[in-house]
Amino acid sequence: MSIAIFLIDKLMNNINIYLQALQMSKGAVDEIMLGEMLGLEEDATRRIIASLLNEYKITYSSDNNTCNYKPIKKQKKYEHR
């Protein structure tokens, strides 16, 4: 396995773990603090947030929660009858 593939795999794993932690925290933990709790540096956390925003998996939220981002709920597929 090349170093590039290893790093991409590690980044994707960190993104998935961060998203799961964000869902579980329900806005109670600041987004940077959440990353630190997962062992991520602030810069890495900001890159993960940017990636999740680009993938439409999270959105900016001003709901007066501690965290400024929240996961986007998947829409149920419309069933034609």
PDB file of N, CA and C in Angstrom:
ATOM      1  N   MET A   1       0.857  -1.179   0.000  1.00  0.00           N
ATOM      2  CA  MET A   1       0.000   0.000   0.000  1.00  0.00           C
ATOM      3  C   MET A   1       0.901   1.240   0.000  1.00  0.00           C
ATOM      4  N   SER A   2       0.605   2.152  -0.890  1.00  0.00           N
ATOM      5  CA  SER A   2       1.416   3.362  -0.954  1.00  0.00           C
ATOM      6  C   SER A   2       1.054   4.305   0.193  1.00  0.00           C
ATOM      7  N   ILE A   3       1.944   5.217   0.474  1.00  0.00           N
ATOM      8  CA  ILE A   3       1.727   6.186   1.568  1.00  0.00           C
ATOM      9  C   ILE A   3       0.515   7.054   1.281  1.00  0.00           C
ATOM     10  N   ALA A   4       0.290   7.425   0.007  1.00  0.00           N
ATOM     11  CA  ALA A   4      -0.847   8.277  -0.353  1.00  0.00           C
ATOM     12  C   ALA A   4      -2.163   7.564  -0.067  1.00  0.00           C
ATOM     13  N   ILE A   5      -2.242   6.305  -0.425  1.00  0.00           N
ATOM     14  CA  ILE A   5      -3.472   5.537  -0.170  1.00  0.00           C
ATOM     15  C   ILE A   5      -3.692   5.392   1.329  1.00  0.00           C
ATOM     16  N   PHE A   6      -2.625   5.150   2.073  1.00  0.00           N
ATOM     17  CA  PHE A   6      -2.725   5.036   3.520  1.00  0.00           C
ATOM     18  C   PHE A   6      -3.258   6.330   4.140  1.00  0.00           C
ATOM     19  N   LEU A   7      -2.722   7.465   3.698  1.00  0.00           N
ATOM     20  CA  LEU A   7      -3.153   8.752   4.253  1.00  0.00           C
ATOM     21  C   LEU A   7      -4.600   9.065   3.890  1.00  0.00           C
ATOM     22  N   ILE A   8      -5.009   8.753   2.678  1.00  0.00           N
ATOM     23  CA  ILE A   8      -6.401   8.977   2.270  1.00  0.00           C
ATOM     24  C   ILE A   8      -7.331   8.094   3.088  1.00  0.00           C
ATOM     25  N   ASP A   9      -6.946   6.838   3.293  1.00  0.00           N
ATOM     26  CA  ASP A   9      -7.750   5.920   4.100  1.00  0.00           C
ATOM     27  C   ASP A   9      -7.880   6.423   5.533  1.00  0.00           C
ATOM     28  N   LYS A  10      -6.783   6.926   6.099  1.00  0.00           N
ATOM     29  CA  LYS A  10      -6.805   7.456   7.469  1.00  0.00           C
ATOM     30  C   LYS A  10      -7.699   8.692   7.554  1.00  0.00           C
ATOM     31  N   LEU A  11      -7.613   9.585   6.553  1.00  0.00           N
ATOM     32  CA  LEU A  11      -8.457  10.772   6.530  1.00  0.00           C
ATOM     33  C   LEU A  11      -9.931  10.387   6.445  1.00  0.00           C
ATOM     34  N   MET A  12     -10.270   9.449   5.580  1.00  0.00           N
ATOM     35  CA  MET A  12     -11.668   9.024   5.437  1.00  0.00           C
ATOM     36  C   MET A  12     -12.172   8.414   6.741  1.00  0.00           C
ATOM     37  N   ASN A  13     -11.323   7.654   7.412  1.00  0.00           N
ATOM     38  CA  ASN A  13     -11.699   7.067   8.699  1.00  0.00           C
ATOM     39  C   ASN A  13     -11.948   8.166   9.730  1.00  0.00           C
ATOM     40  N   ASN A  14     -11.063   9.172   9.765  1.00  0.00           N
ATOM     41  CA  ASN A  14     -11.241  10.293  10.695  1.00  0.00           C
ATOM     42  C   ASN A  14     -12.530  11.062  10.399  1.00  0.00           C
ATOM     43  N   ILE A  15     -12.851  11.237   9.124  1.00  0.00           N
ATOM     44  CA  ILE A  15     -14.080  11.939   8.741  1.00  0.00           C
ATOM     45  C   ILE A  15     -15.297  11.187   9.254  1.00  0.00           C
ATOM     46  N   ASN A  16     -15.318   9.876   9.055  1.00  0.00           N
ATOM     47  CA  ASN A  16     -16.461   9.075   9.508  1.00  0.00           C
ATOM     48  C   ASN A  16     -16.588   9.068  11.028  1.00  0.00           C
ATOM     49  N   ILE A  17     -15.461   8.958  11.713  1.00  0.00           N
ATOM     50  CA  ILE A  17     -15.484   8.966  13.177  1.00  0.00           C
ATOM     51  C   ILE A  17     -15.966  10.328  13.687  1.00  0.00           C
ATOM     52  N   TYR A  18     -15.477  11.411  13.076  1.00  0.00           N
ATOM     53  CA  TYR A  18     -15.884  12.752  13.497  1.00  0.00           C
ATOM     54  C   TYR A  18     -17.381  12.948  13.279  1.00  0.00           C
ATOM     55  N   LEU A  19     -17.898  12.503  12.138  1.00  0.00           N
ATOM     56  CA  LEU A  19     -19.328  12.641  11.856  1.00  0.00           C
ATOM     57  C   LEU A  19     -20.165  11.868  12.873  1.00  0.00           C
ATOM     58  N   GLN A  20     -19.743  10.669  13.208  1.00  0.00           N
ATOM     59  CA  GLN A  20     -20.466   9.881  14.216  1.00  0.00           C
ATOM     60  C   GLN A  20     -20.436  10.577  15.576  1.00  0.00           C
ATOM     61  N   ALA A  21     -19.296  11.112  15.947  1.00  0.00           N
ATOM     62  CA  ALA A  21     -19.181  11.818  17.227  1.00  0.00           C
ATOM     63  C   ALA A  21     -20.043  13.071  17.226  1.00  0.00           C
ATOM     64  N   LEU A  22     -20.096  13.776  16.095  1.00  0.00           N
ATOM     65  CA  LEU A  22     -20.927  14.967  15.988  1.00  0.00           C
ATOM     66  C   LEU A  22     -22.409  14.611  16.160  1.00  0.00           C
ATOM     67  N   GLN A  23     -22.817  13.512  15.561  1.00  0.00           N
ATOM     68  CA  GLN A  23     -24.205  13.058  15.706  1.00  0.00           C
ATOM     69  C   GLN A  23     -24.515  12.694  17.152  1.00  0.00           C
ATOM     70  N   MET A  24     -23.595  12.020  17.800  1.00  0.00           N
ATOM     71  CA  MET A  24     -23.817  11.581  19.178  1.00  0.00           C
ATOM     72  C   MET A  24     -23.810  12.750  20.163  1.00  0.00           C
ATOM     73  N   SER A  25     -23.018  13.786  19.880  1.00  0.00           N
ATOM     74  CA  SER A  25     -22.917  14.904  20.821  1.00  0.00           C
ATOM     75  C   SER A  25     -24.139  15.823  20.783  1.00  0.00           C
ATOM     76  N   LYS A  26     -24.903  15.771  19.689  1.00  0.00           N
ATOM     77  CA  LYS A  26     -26.136  16.552  19.534  1.00  0.00           C
ATOM     78  C   LYS A  26     -25.933  18.041  19.828  1.00  0.00           C
ATOM     79  N   GLY A  27     -24.790  18.574  19.398  1.00  0.00           N
ATOM     80  CA  GLY A  27     -24.544  20.006  19.532  1.00  0.00           C
ATOM     81  C   GLY A  27     -24.055  20.458  20.889  1.00  0.00           C
ATOM     82  N   ALA A  28     -23.800  19.529  21.790  1.00  0.00           N
ATOM     83  CA  ALA A  28     -23.415  19.899  23.156  1.00  0.00           C
ATOM     84  C   ALA A  28     -21.928  20.202  23.305  1.00  0.00           C
ATOM     85  N   VAL A  29     -21.129  19.847  22.286  1.00  0.00           N
ATOM     86  CA  VAL A  29     -19.681  20.047  22.361  1.00  0.00           C
ATOM     87  C   VAL A  29     -19.246  20.907  21.184  1.00  0.00           C
ATOM     88  N   ASP A  30     -18.420  21.907  21.447  1.00  0.00           N
ATOM     89  CA  ASP A  30     -17.857  22.753  20.399  1.00  0.00           C
ATOM     90  C   ASP A  30     -17.147  21.881  19.357  1.00  0.00           C
ATOM     91  N   GLU A  31     -17.250  22.265  18.078  1.00  0.00           N
ATOM     92  CA  GLU A  31     -16.704  21.441  16.998  1.00  0.00           C
ATOM     93  C   GLU A  31     -15.195  21.226  17.096  1.00  0.00           C
ATOM     94  N   ILE A  32     -14.460  22.230  17.545  1.00  0.00           N
ATOM     95  CA  ILE A  32     -13.012  22.084  17.684  1.00  0.00           C
ATOM     96  C   ILE A  32     -12.679  21.211  18.895  1.00  0.00           C
ATOM     97  N   MET A  33     -13.395  21.407  19.992  1.00  0.00           N
ATOM     98  CA  MET A  33     -13.204  20.583  21.185  1.00  0.00           C
ATOM     99  C   MET A  33     -13.529  19.120  20.882  1.00  0.00           C
ATOM    100  N   LEU A  34     -14.550  18.886  20.072  1.00  0.00           N
ATOM    101  CA  LEU A  34     -14.913  17.521  19.686  1.00  0.00           C
ATOM    102  C   LEU A  34     -13.747  16.870  18.957  1.00  0.00           C
ATOM    103  N   GLY A  35     -13.135  17.606  18.038  1.00  0.00           N
ATOM    104  CA  GLY A  35     -11.972  17.086  17.334  1.00  0.00           C
ATOM    105  C   GLY A  35     -10.827  16.774  18.281  1.00  0.00           C
ATOM    106  N   GLU A  36     -10.588  17.668  19.239  1.00  0.00           N
ATOM    107  CA  GLU A  36      -9.527  17.435  20.221  1.00  0.00           C
ATOM    108  C   GLU A  36      -9.815  16.195  21.055  1.00  0.00           C
ATOM    109  N   MET A  37     -11.073  15.974  21.385  1.00  0.00           N
ATOM    110  CA  MET A  37     -11.455  14.789  22.147  1.00  0.00           C
ATOM    111  C   MET A  37     -11.161  13.514  21.360  1.00  0.00           C
ATOM    112  N   LEU A  38     -11.157  13.632  20.030  1.00  0.00           N
ATOM    113  CA  LEU A  38     -10.864  12.489  19.168  1.00  0.00           C
ATOM    114  C   LEU A  38      -9.377  12.396  18.823  1.00  0.00           C
ATOM    115  N   GLY A  39      -8.571  13.304  19.383  1.00  0.00           N
ATOM    116  CA  GLY A  39      -7.138  13.277  19.149  1.00  0.00           C
ATOM    117  C   GLY A  39      -6.704  14.022  17.899  1.00  0.00           C
ATOM    118  N   LEU A  40      -7.572  14.891  17.381  1.00  0.00           N
ATOM    119  CA  LEU A  40      -7.261  15.649  16.172  1.00  0.00           C
ATOM    120  C   LEU A  40      -6.789  17.049  16.527  1.00  0.00           C
ATOM    121  N   GLU A  41      -5.867  17.560  15.741  1.00  0.00           N
ATOM    122  CA  GLU A  41      -5.442  18.942  15.903  1.00  0.00           C
ATOM    123  C   GLU A  41      -6.485  19.852  15.265  1.00  0.00           C
ATOM    124  N   GLU A  42      -6.476  21.133  15.635  1.00  0.00           N
ATOM    125  CA  GLU A  42      -7.478  22.076  15.141  1.00  0.00           C
ATOM    126  C   GLU A  42      -7.490  22.146  13.616  1.00  0.00           C
ATOM    127  N   ASP A  43      -6.313  22.167  13.001  1.00  0.00           N
ATOM    128  CA  ASP A  43      -6.233  22.249  11.541  1.00  0.00           C
ATOM    129  C   ASP A  43      -6.877  21.030  10.880  1.00  0.00           C
ATOM    130  N   ALA A  44      -6.614  19.848  11.429  1.00  0.00           N
ATOM    131  CA  ALA A  44      -7.210  18.618  10.889  1.00  0.00           C
ATOM    132  C   ALA A  44      -8.726  18.641  11.060  1.00  0.00           C
ATOM    133  N   THR A  45      -9.191  19.136  12.192  1.00  0.00           N
ATOM    134  CA  THR A  45     -10.632  19.227  12.440  1.00  0.00           C
ATOM    135  C   THR A  45     -11.284  20.175  11.443  1.00  0.00           C
ATOM    136  N   ARG A  46     -10.651  21.296  11.174  1.00  0.00           N
ATOM    137  CA  ARG A  46     -11.211  22.251  10.204  1.00  0.00           C
ATOM    138  C   ARG A  46     -11.253  21.657   8.792  1.00  0.00           C
ATOM    139  N   ARG A  47     -10.242  20.866   8.427  1.00  0.00           N
ATOM    140  CA  ARG A  47     -10.261  20.196   7.115  1.00  0.00           C
ATOM    141  C   ARG A  47     -11.397  19.180   7.042  1.00  0.00           C
ATOM    142  N   ILE A  48     -11.624  18.463   8.132  1.00  0.00           N
ATOM    143  CA  ILE A  48     -12.716  17.484   8.172  1.00  0.00           C
ATOM    144  C   ILE A  48     -14.056  18.198   8.053  1.00  0.00           C
ATOM    145  N   ILE A  49     -14.230  19.295   8.764  1.00  0.00           N
ATOM    146  CA  ILE A  49     -15.476  20.066   8.687  1.00  0.00           C
ATOM    147  C   ILE A  49     -15.692  20.560   7.265  1.00  0.00           C
ATOM    148  N   ALA A  50     -14.644  21.070   6.624  1.00  0.00           N
ATOM    149  CA  ALA A  50     -14.761  21.540   5.235  1.00  0.00           C
ATOM    150  C   ALA A  50     -15.168  20.405   4.305  1.00  0.00           C
ATOM    151  N   SER A  51     -14.595  19.246   4.516  1.00  0.00           N
ATOM    152  CA  SER A  51     -14.928  18.089   3.692  1.00  0.00           C
ATOM    153  C   SER A  51     -16.387  17.672   3.890  1.00  0.00           C
ATOM    154  N   LEU A  52     -16.830  17.649   5.144  1.00  0.00           N
ATOM    155  CA  LEU A  52     -18.224  17.271   5.433  1.00  0.00           C
ATOM    156  C   LEU A  52     -19.210  18.300   4.879  1.00  0.00           C
ATOM    157  N   LEU A  53     -18.836  19.575   4.907  1.00  0.00           N
ATOM    158  CA  LEU A  53     -19.689  20.614   4.312  1.00  0.00           C
ATOM    159  C   LEU A  53     -19.774  20.416   2.800  1.00  0.00           C
ATOM    160  N   ASN A  54     -18.640  20.125   2.155  1.00  0.00           N
ATOM    161  CA  ASN A  54     -18.619  19.911   0.708  1.00  0.00           C
ATOM    162  C   ASN A  54     -19.407  18.685   0.283  1.00  0.00           C
ATOM    163  N   GLU A  55     -19.471  17.690   1.152  1.00  0.00           N
ATOM    164  CA  GLU A  55     -20.206  16.460   0.862  1.00  0.00           C
ATOM    165  C   GLU A  55     -21.680  16.561   1.287  1.00  0.00           C
ATOM    166  N   TYR A  56     -22.093  17.725   1.773  1.00  0.00           N
ATOM    167  CA  TYR A  56     -23.461  17.954   2.253  1.00  0.00           C
ATOM    168  C   TYR A  56     -23.872  16.967   3.341  1.00  0.00           C
ATOM    169  N   LYS A  57     -22.913  16.641   4.213  1.00  0.00           N
ATOM    170  CA  LYS A  57     -23.208  15.756   5.340  1.00  0.00           C
ATOM    171  C   LYS A  57     -23.454  16.543   6.619  1.00  0.00           C
ATOM    172  N   ILE A  58     -22.987  17.808   6.650  1.00  0.00           N
ATOM    173  CA  ILE A  58     -23.254  18.698   7.776  1.00  0.00           C
ATOM    174  C   ILE A  58     -23.619  20.073   7.225  1.00  0.00           C
ATOM    175  N   THR A  59     -24.199  20.887   8.090  1.00  0.00           N
ATOM    176  CA  THR A  59     -24.541  22.250   7.718  1.00  0.00           C
ATOM    177  C   THR A  59     -24.223  23.180   8.876  1.00  0.00           C
ATOM    178  N   TYR A  60     -23.994  24.451   8.558  1.00  0.00           N
ATOM    179  CA  TYR A  60     -23.781  25.448   9.605  1.00  0.00           C
ATOM    180  C   TYR A  60     -25.095  25.670  10.319  1.00  0.00           C
ATOM    181  N   SER A  61     -25.044  25.795  11.629  1.00  0.00           N
ATOM    182  CA  SER A  61     -26.254  25.951  12.425  1.00  0.00           C
ATOM    183  C   SER A  61     -26.062  27.060  13.451  1.00  0.00           C
ATOM    184  N   SER A  62     -27.040  27.926  13.545  1.00  0.00           N
ATOM    185  CA  SER A  62     -26.996  28.976  14.574  1.00  0.00           C
ATOM    186  C   SER A  62     -28.133  28.760  15.569  1.00  0.00           C
ATOM    187  N   ASP A  63     -28.304  27.507  15.982  1.00  0.00           N
ATOM    188  CA  ASP A  63     -29.383  27.129  16.904  1.00  0.00           C
ATOM    189  C   ASP A  63     -29.055  27.425  18.361  1.00  0.00           C
ATOM    190  N   ASN A  64     -28.036  28.224  18.600  1.00  0.00           N
ATOM    191  CA  ASN A  64     -27.597  28.549  19.961  1.00  0.00           C
ATOM    192  C   ASN A  64     -27.077  27.343  20.720  1.00  0.00           C
ATOM    193  N   ASN A  65     -26.675  26.306  20.001  1.00  0.00           N
ATOM    194  CA  ASN A  65     -25.986  25.185  20.627  1.00  0.00           C
ATOM    195  C   ASN A  65     -24.523  25.553  20.771  1.00  0.00           C
ATOM    196  N   THR A  66     -23.796  24.751  21.505  1.00  0.00           N
ATOM    197  CA  THR A  66     -22.366  24.975  21.656  1.00  0.00           C
ATOM    198  C   THR A  66     -21.649  24.771  20.326  1.00  0.00           C
ATOM    199  N   CYS A  67     -22.087  23.787  19.546  1.00  0.00           N
ATOM    200  CA  CYS A  67     -21.474  23.461  18.258  1.00  0.00           C
ATOM    201  C   CYS A  67     -22.129  24.277  17.142  1.00  0.00           C
ATOM    202  N   ASN A  68     -21.322  24.756  16.195  1.00  0.00           N
ATOM    203  CA  ASN A  68     -21.840  25.559  15.090  1.00  0.00           C
ATOM    204  C   ASN A  68     -22.265  24.735  13.876  1.00  0.00           C
ATOM    205  N   TYR A  69     -22.149  23.412  13.957  1.00  0.00           N
ATOM    206  CA  TYR A  69     -22.496  22.558  12.829  1.00  0.00           C
ATOM    207  C   TYR A  69     -23.398  21.432  13.290  1.00  0.00           C
ATOM    208  N   LYS A  70     -24.240  20.967  12.373  1.00  0.00           N
ATOM    209  CA  LYS A  70     -25.080  19.824  12.707  1.00  0.00           C
ATOM    210  C   LYS A  70     -25.179  18.921  11.490  1.00  0.00           C
ATOM    211  N   PRO A  71     -25.319  17.621  11.744  1.00  0.00           N
ATOM    212  CA  PRO A  71     -25.445  16.677  10.635  1.00  0.00           C
ATOM    213  C   PRO A  71     -26.734  16.928   9.856  1.00  0.00           C
ATOM    214  N   ILE A  72     -26.680  16.691   8.567  1.00  0.00           N
ATOM    215  CA  ILE A  72     -27.875  16.790   7.735  1.00  0.00           C
ATOM    216  C   ILE A  72     -28.552  15.437   7.771  1.00  0.00           C
ATOM    217  N   LYS A  73     -29.815  15.452   8.104  1.00  0.00           N
ATOM    218  CA  LYS A  73     -30.571  14.205   8.152  1.00  0.00           C
ATOM    219  C   LYS A  73     -30.847  13.743   6.733  1.00  0.00           C
ATOM    220  N   LYS A  74     -30.678  12.458   6.513  1.00  0.00           N
ATOM    221  CA  LYS A  74     -30.964  11.901   5.199  1.00  0.00           C
ATOM    222  C   LYS A  74     -32.461  11.934   4.971  1.00  0.00           C
ATOM    223  N   GLN A  75     -32.835  12.382   3.776  1.00  0.00           N
ATOM    224  CA  GLN A  75     -34.243  12.403   3.440  1.00  0.00           C
ATOM    225  C   GLN A  75     -34.685  11.007   3.019  1.00  0.00           C
ATOM    226  N   LYS A  76     -35.863  10.666   3.455  1.00  0.00           N
ATOM    227  CA  LYS A  76     -36.400   9.361   3.066  1.00  0.00           C
ATOM    228  C   LYS A  76     -36.773   9.425   1.593  1.00  0.00           C
ATOM    229  N   LYS A  77     -36.477   8.337   0.920  1.00  0.00           N
ATOM    230  CA  LYS A  77     -36.811   8.283  -0.497  1.00  0.00           C
ATOM    231  C   LYS A  77     -38.309   8.181  -0.664  1.00  0.00           C
ATOM    232  N   TYR A  78     -38.793   8.917  -1.638  1.00  0.00           N
ATOM    233  CA  TYR A  78     -40.221   8.926  -1.926  1.00  0.00           C
ATOM    234  C   TYR A  78     -40.586   7.598  -2.562  1.00  0.00           C
ATOM    235  N   GLU A  79     -41.611   6.969  -2.024  1.00  0.00           N
ATOM    236  CA  GLU A  79     -42.080   5.699  -2.575  1.00  0.00           C
ATOM    237  C   GLU A  79     -43.301   5.959  -3.422  1.00  0.00           C
ATOM    238  N   HIS A  80     -43.191   5.609  -4.676  1.00  0.00           N
ATOM    239  CA  HIS A  80     -44.312   5.773  -5.603  1.00  0.00           C
ATOM    240  C   HIS A  80     -45.245   4.585  -5.456  1.00  0.00           C
ATOM    241  N   ARG A  81     -46.533   4.866  -5.292  1.00  0.00           N
ATOM    242  CA  ARG A  81     -47.502   3.762  -5.123  1.00  0.00           C
ATOM    243  C   ARG A  81     -48.447   3.722  -6.269  1.00  0.00           C
TER     244      ARG A  81
END
